[in-house]
Amino acid sequence: MKLLISKKFDDERMKMIENLGYEIIFCEDRKLKNTPEINEVDAAYVYYYTSRLDYTQMKNLKFLQLASVGFDHIPKEVFKERGVYLSNNSGGYSIPIAEFAIMNVLNIYKNSKQFFENQSKSLWKTDNTLLELNGKKAGILGTGGIGIETAKRLKAFGVETWGVNTSGRKIEYFDKVFKSSDMDFVFKECDIIIAVMPSTKDTEGMINKDKFKIMKDGSIFMNLGRGNLVNLDDLEEFAPKFRGIALDVFDKEPLSKDRKLWNIDNLIITPHNSWVSDRNNDRLFDTVYKNLKSFIENGKPEKYVDISRGY
């Protein structure tokens, strides 16, 4: 069985994949393009530049493994029509993103930004406006891997965790879970809102002025999910009501230099960086290996996404 790989693991791990029974065809990620050899592969693990390939030419392709969690850039209709299995790296970045969420909440409640600025000026100035995280209520929009890992860590700080998912089904580490249709109640009652939902036709632009209006004065809003969840124009308008805002993802990246967001004092902007970790490659290989093993043995990967649902 022929397998395209666009970014190599170390020699030992590449040998493990080869020993599963694959004939590996390597093409460097940045140089990906359709060739007669690539068009004949049965499976592919493409690291980043997935859009460089025309999948309609890859007639034998039955399984595509991504290194990313999102798959907005994949031609979904082509995959659905041909029955190609699509696997993402779900859960691979949950821990670093959850840690990033905790960092942002603490930075906002403890006014770290101001302390750093004071230090740069050699200014000794106490701050009596710091807040405690203990006893607060956090609403996490999305109860998948990232949401679970975030809730787990927040509970260690004495936070009451509320989750939001499609059905309202109970999830570990969440004190309460609400249906998406009941989301407004979460926005009204929580001190912290953290968005980690996937991008679907139902979630695009979902967080807008209607949601910001009902949030508490002095609350925190954070988006670590997908950039198109949030209407940024509305967020700019309502920014003064928040204790702090943290954004790591945007509808258009890089964020335009002339965007007003850059000049909002209570806003932390990071360049889609929350997923970075020294452990990512270990988790990624574990996912890739298990899916490739299942595919060659059973004809389908161990875990794959529902393309129609968007996750």
Protein backbone atom coordinates (compact mmCIF):
# COMPACT_ATOMS: atom_id res chain seq x y z
CA MET A 1 0.00 0.00 0.00
CA LYS A 2 1.42 3.38 -1.02
CA LEU A 3 1.63 6.18 1.54
CA LEU A 4 2.55 9.83 0.92
CA ILE A 5 4.34 11.57 3.80
CA SER A 6 5.20 15.25 3.59
CA LYS A 7 7.09 15.62 6.86
CA LYS A 8 9.29 12.87 8.24
CA PHE A 9 9.40 11.64 11.80
CA ASP A 10 12.74 10.37 13.17
CA ASP A 11 14.27 7.27 11.57
CA GLU A 12 12.95 4.88 14.21
CA ARG A 13 9.39 6.12 13.84
CA MET A 14 9.55 6.13 10.05
CA LYS A 15 10.69 2.50 10.23
CA MET A 16 7.73 1.68 12.47
CA ILE A 17 5.36 3.05 9.83
CA GLU A 18 7.18 1.19 7.06
CA ASN A 19 6.93 -2.04 9.06
CA LEU A 20 3.15 -1.74 9.03
CA GLY A 21 3.37 -2.60 5.33
CA TYR A 22 3.47 0.80 3.66
CA GLU A 23 5.58 1.82 0.69
CA ILE A 24 6.49 5.36 1.74
CA ILE A 25 6.65 8.11 -0.85
CA PHE A 26 8.20 11.24 0.64
CA CYS A 27 7.71 14.74 -0.72
CA GLU A 28 8.79 17.73 1.32
CA ASP A 29 5.77 19.65 2.57
CA ARG A 30 6.63 22.96 0.90
CA LYS A 31 7.26 21.23 -2.43
CA LEU A 32 4.01 19.27 -2.58
CA LYS A 33 2.41 18.98 -5.99
CA ASN A 34 0.55 16.35 -7.95
CA THR A 35 2.84 13.94 -9.77
CA PRO A 36 2.03 10.56 -11.34
CA GLU A 37 3.60 8.87 -8.30
CA ILE A 38 1.69 10.95 -5.75
CA ASN A 39 -1.56 10.55 -7.65
CA GLU A 40 -1.35 6.77 -7.11
CA VAL A 41 -1.09 6.76 -3.30
CA ASP A 42 -3.68 4.97 -1.19
CA ALA A 43 -3.12 7.09 1.93
CA ALA A 44 -1.42 10.35 2.80
CA TYR A 45 -0.09 12.12 5.87
CA VAL A 46 0.23 15.77 4.92
CA TYR A 47 1.67 18.11 7.52
CA TYR A 48 0.68 21.65 6.51
CA TYR A 49 0.43 22.47 2.82
CA THR A 50 -2.62 20.32 2.12
CA SER A 51 -4.08 22.87 -0.30
CA ARG A 52 -1.14 22.35 -2.69
CA LEU A 53 -2.68 19.07 -3.81
CA ASP A 54 -5.57 18.52 -6.20
CA TYR A 55 -7.33 15.56 -4.61
CA THR A 56 -9.51 14.95 -7.66
CA GLN A 57 -6.37 13.64 -9.39
CA MET A 58 -5.61 11.20 -6.55
CA LYS A 59 -7.99 8.46 -7.67
CA ASN A 60 -6.68 5.79 -5.27
CA LEU A 61 -6.72 7.97 -2.15
CA LYS A 62 -8.88 6.48 0.61
CA PHE A 63 -7.41 8.11 3.72
CA LEU A 64 -5.89 11.50 4.48
CA GLN A 65 -4.26 12.21 7.86
CA LEU A 66 -3.74 15.83 8.89
CA ALA A 67 -1.40 17.29 11.49
CA SER A 68 -3.90 20.07 12.19
CA VAL A 69 -7.16 19.97 14.12
CA GLY A 70 -9.05 22.23 11.73
CA PHE A 71 -9.85 21.05 8.22
CA ASP A 72 -11.61 24.05 6.65
CA HIS A 73 -9.04 23.98 3.84
CA ILE A 74 -9.99 20.45 2.72
CA PRO A 75 -12.37 20.05 -0.29
CA LYS A 76 -15.08 18.39 1.77
CA GLU A 77 -17.44 17.65 -1.12
CA VAL A 78 -14.72 15.74 -2.98
CA PHE A 79 -13.99 13.63 0.11
CA LYS A 80 -17.67 12.98 0.82
CA GLU A 81 -18.42 12.01 -2.78
CA ARG A 82 -15.52 9.57 -2.97
CA GLY A 83 -15.78 8.25 0.59
CA VAL A 84 -12.26 9.30 1.56
CA TYR A 85 -11.60 9.00 5.31
CA LEU A 86 -10.26 12.21 6.88
CA SER A 87 -8.48 12.20 10.24
CA ASN A 88 -7.28 15.29 12.07
CA ASN A 89 -5.01 15.68 15.09
CA SER A 90 -7.90 15.96 17.52
CA GLY A 91 -6.62 16.14 21.08
CA GLY A 92 -3.04 16.64 19.97
CA TYR A 93 -2.92 20.25 21.09
CA SER A 94 -5.44 20.13 23.94
CA ILE A 95 -2.94 20.34 26.80
CA PRO A 96 -0.83 23.28 25.55
CA ILE A 97 -3.95 25.23 24.56
CA ALA A 98 -5.53 24.56 27.96
CA GLU A 99 -2.36 25.77 29.68
CA PHE A 100 -2.48 28.87 27.47
CA ALA A 101 -6.05 29.53 28.59
CA ILE A 102 -5.04 29.38 32.26
CA MET A 103 -2.09 31.68 31.59
CA ASN A 104 -4.37 34.27 30.00
CA VAL A 105 -6.95 34.18 32.78
CA LEU A 106 -4.27 34.60 35.45
CA ASN A 107 -2.51 37.35 33.51
CA ILE A 108 -5.80 39.26 33.30
CA TYR A 109 -6.83 38.75 36.93
CA LYS A 110 -3.34 39.54 38.23
CA ASN A 111 -2.71 42.49 35.86
CA SER A 112 0.59 40.98 34.69
CA LYS A 113 0.72 43.22 31.63
CA GLN A 114 0.91 46.31 33.83
CA PHE A 115 3.59 44.79 36.08
CA PHE A 116 5.71 43.97 33.03
CA GLU A 117 5.34 47.54 31.75
CA ASN A 118 6.27 48.92 35.18
CA GLN A 119 9.35 46.71 35.30
CA SER A 120 10.50 48.00 31.91
CA LYS A 121 10.38 51.51 33.43
CA SER A 122 12.04 50.49 36.74
CA LEU A 123 8.79 51.58 38.39
CA TRP A 124 7.95 50.20 41.86
CA LYS A 125 4.16 50.44 42.11
CA THR A 126 1.76 48.18 43.99
CA ASP A 127 -1.63 47.25 42.52
CA ASN A 128 -4.65 46.73 44.77
CA THR A 129 -7.04 45.73 41.96
CA LEU A 130 -5.91 42.11 41.55
CA LEU A 131 -8.61 39.44 41.56
CA GLU A 132 -8.77 35.83 42.73
CA LEU A 133 -9.62 33.04 40.30
CA ASN A 134 -10.96 30.92 43.14
CA GLY A 135 -14.76 31.02 43.32
CA LYS A 136 -15.29 32.29 39.77
CA LYS A 137 -17.56 30.67 37.21
CA ALA A 138 -16.16 29.81 33.76
CA GLY A 139 -18.18 28.96 30.67
CA ILE A 140 -16.29 26.86 28.12
CA LEU A 141 -17.82 26.79 24.65
CA GLY A 142 -16.88 23.35 23.37
CA THR A 143 -16.43 20.25 25.51
CA GLY A 144 -13.99 18.32 23.32
CA GLY A 145 -10.36 17.68 24.20
CA ILE A 146 -9.38 21.34 24.64
CA GLY A 147 -12.48 22.12 26.67
CA ILE A 148 -11.98 19.12 28.94
CA GLU A 149 -8.31 19.88 29.61
CA THR A 150 -9.17 23.53 30.30
CA ALA A 151 -11.99 22.61 32.69
CA LYS A 152 -9.73 20.13 34.50
CA ARG A 153 -7.15 22.84 35.16
CA LEU A 154 -9.68 25.49 36.14
CA LYS A 155 -11.21 23.18 38.74
CA ALA A 156 -7.80 22.95 40.42
CA PHE A 157 -8.11 26.70 41.02
CA GLY A 158 -11.54 26.36 42.64
CA VAL A 159 -13.51 27.49 39.58
CA GLU A 160 -17.05 26.29 38.82
CA THR A 161 -16.96 24.99 35.26
CA TRP A 162 -19.89 25.19 32.84
CA GLY A 163 -19.69 23.65 29.40
CA VAL A 164 -21.60 24.09 26.16
CA ASN A 165 -22.04 21.41 23.52
CA THR A 166 -24.65 20.45 20.93
CA SER A 167 -26.69 18.07 23.07
CA GLY A 168 -25.99 19.23 26.62
CA ARG A 169 -24.61 15.78 27.47
CA LYS A 170 -22.65 15.51 30.72
CA ILE A 171 -18.86 15.62 30.36
CA GLU A 172 -16.20 14.90 33.00
CA TYR A 173 -14.68 17.96 34.75
CA PHE A 174 -17.74 20.13 33.99
CA ASP A 175 -20.08 20.96 36.88
CA LYS A 176 -22.86 21.73 34.39
CA VAL A 177 -23.24 21.29 30.64
CA PHE A 178 -25.75 23.22 28.52
CA LYS A 179 -27.10 22.73 25.02
CA SER A 180 -25.92 25.18 22.38
CA SER A 181 -29.47 26.53 22.23
CA ASP A 182 -29.16 27.52 25.92
CA MET A 183 -25.83 29.26 25.45
CA ASP A 184 -27.11 32.75 26.33
CA PHE A 185 -27.60 31.68 29.95
CA VAL A 186 -23.90 30.77 30.13
CA PHE A 187 -22.89 34.15 28.69
CA LYS A 188 -25.07 35.96 31.27
CA GLU A 189 -23.96 34.06 34.36
CA CYS A 190 -20.26 33.33 33.90
CA ASP A 191 -17.30 35.50 34.90
CA ILE A 192 -15.13 33.94 32.19
CA ILE A 193 -16.08 32.79 28.69
CA ILE A 194 -13.57 30.66 26.76
CA ALA A 195 -14.42 29.73 23.16
CA VAL A 196 -12.80 26.54 21.86
CA MET A 197 -15.52 25.39 19.46
CA PRO A 198 -14.81 24.08 15.94
CA SER A 199 -15.74 26.05 12.85
CA THR A 200 -19.03 24.89 11.31
CA LYS A 201 -21.83 26.56 9.38
CA ASP A 202 -23.65 26.95 12.72
CA THR A 203 -20.77 28.47 14.70
CA GLU A 204 -19.44 31.00 12.18
CA GLY A 205 -20.01 34.53 13.53
CA MET A 206 -21.95 33.06 16.46
CA ILE A 207 -20.25 35.26 19.07
CA ASN A 208 -21.34 38.79 18.31
CA LYS A 209 -22.84 41.89 19.92
CA ASP A 210 -25.88 39.94 21.07
CA LYS A 211 -23.61 37.80 23.23
CA PHE A 212 -21.32 40.62 24.36
CA LYS A 213 -24.30 42.71 25.48
CA ILE A 214 -25.44 40.12 28.00
CA MET A 215 -22.02 39.30 29.44
CA LYS A 216 -21.12 40.63 32.89
CA ASP A 217 -19.27 43.90 33.24
CA GLY A 218 -15.71 43.11 34.24
CA SER A 219 -15.82 39.59 32.81
CA ILE A 220 -13.22 37.88 30.60
CA PHE A 221 -13.68 36.79 27.01
CA MET A 222 -11.20 34.51 25.29
CA ASN A 223 -11.11 32.83 21.87
CA LEU A 224 -8.71 29.92 21.37
CA GLY A 225 -10.95 28.00 18.96
CA ARG A 226 -11.48 29.21 15.41
CA GLY A 227 -11.12 32.82 14.31
CA ASN A 228 -14.43 33.01 12.47
CA LEU A 229 -16.44 32.27 15.62
CA VAL A 230 -16.22 35.93 16.64
CA ASN A 231 -17.43 39.13 15.03
CA LEU A 232 -14.38 41.30 15.69
CA ASP A 233 -16.15 44.57 14.85
CA ASP A 234 -18.67 43.87 17.60
CA LEU A 235 -15.90 42.87 20.00
CA GLU A 236 -14.09 46.16 19.38
CA GLU A 237 -17.30 48.02 20.22
CA PHE A 238 -17.89 46.18 23.49
CA ALA A 239 -14.25 45.82 24.59
CA PRO A 240 -14.44 48.49 27.37
CA LYS A 241 -16.92 46.40 29.38
CA PHE A 242 -14.45 43.56 29.93
CA ARG A 243 -11.81 43.07 32.60
CA GLY A 244 -9.78 41.52 29.83
CA ILE A 245 -9.90 39.87 26.42
CA ALA A 246 -7.50 37.28 24.99
CA LEU A 247 -7.46 36.34 21.30
CA ASP A 248 -5.14 33.77 19.74
CA VAL A 249 -7.09 33.14 16.52
CA PHE A 250 -8.58 35.49 13.94
CA ASP A 251 -10.79 35.24 10.87
CA LYS A 252 -7.91 36.59 8.75
CA GLU A 253 -4.33 35.88 9.75
CA PRO A 254 -1.96 37.60 10.22
CA LEU A 255 -4.12 40.23 11.89
CA SER A 256 -4.02 43.45 9.86
CA LYS A 257 -1.72 46.09 11.37
CA ASP A 258 -4.41 48.76 11.02
CA ARG A 259 -6.99 46.78 13.00
CA LYS A 260 -8.18 48.67 16.12
CA LEU A 261 -7.72 45.56 18.23
CA TRP A 262 -3.98 46.22 18.49
CA ASN A 263 -4.64 49.42 20.46
CA ILE A 264 -7.14 48.08 23.00
CA ASP A 265 -5.41 48.16 26.38
CA ASN A 266 -7.33 45.31 28.00
CA LEU A 267 -6.73 42.92 25.12
CA ILE A 268 -4.01 40.27 24.82
CA ILE A 269 -3.18 39.33 21.21
CA THR A 270 -1.10 36.26 20.40
CA PRO A 271 -0.27 35.01 16.86
CA HIS A 272 -2.13 31.66 16.76
CA ASN A 273 0.51 30.36 19.12
CA SER A 274 -1.42 28.55 21.86
CA TRP A 275 -0.90 25.09 20.34
CA VAL A 276 2.92 25.13 20.45
CA SER A 277 4.57 22.60 22.76
CA ASP A 278 7.71 20.49 23.10
CA ARG A 279 5.41 17.43 23.34
CA ASN A 280 3.41 17.96 20.15
CA ASN A 281 5.46 15.66 17.94
CA ASP A 282 5.07 12.73 20.36
CA ARG A 283 1.30 13.09 20.44
CA LEU A 284 1.10 13.60 16.69
CA PHE A 285 3.07 10.44 15.94
CA ASP A 286 0.90 8.43 18.31
CA THR A 287 -2.23 9.57 16.43
CA VAL A 288 -0.73 9.08 12.97
CA TYR A 289 0.64 5.63 13.79
CA LYS A 290 -2.60 4.31 15.31
CA ASN A 291 -4.66 5.57 12.36
CA LEU A 292 -2.25 4.17 9.76
CA LYS A 293 -2.15 0.82 11.56
CA SER A 294 -5.94 0.62 11.67
CA PHE A 295 -6.26 1.70 8.02
CA ILE A 296 -3.92 -0.96 6.65
CA GLU A 297 -5.47 -3.66 8.87
CA ASN A 298 -9.16 -2.73 8.78
CA GLY A 299 -9.61 -0.43 5.79
CA LYS A 300 -10.35 2.65 7.90
CA PRO A 301 -8.46 4.74 10.48
CA GLU A 302 -9.07 4.31 14.20
CA LYS A 303 -10.48 7.84 14.48
CA TYR A 304 -11.82 10.07 11.72
CA VAL A 305 -13.97 13.18 11.46
CA ASP A 306 -17.58 13.52 10.32
CA ILE A 307 -17.04 15.84 7.37
CA SER A 308 -20.72 16.81 7.22
CA ARG A 309 -20.82 17.90 10.89
CA GLY A 310 -17.46 19.65 10.73
CA TYR A 311 -15.77 17.76 13.61
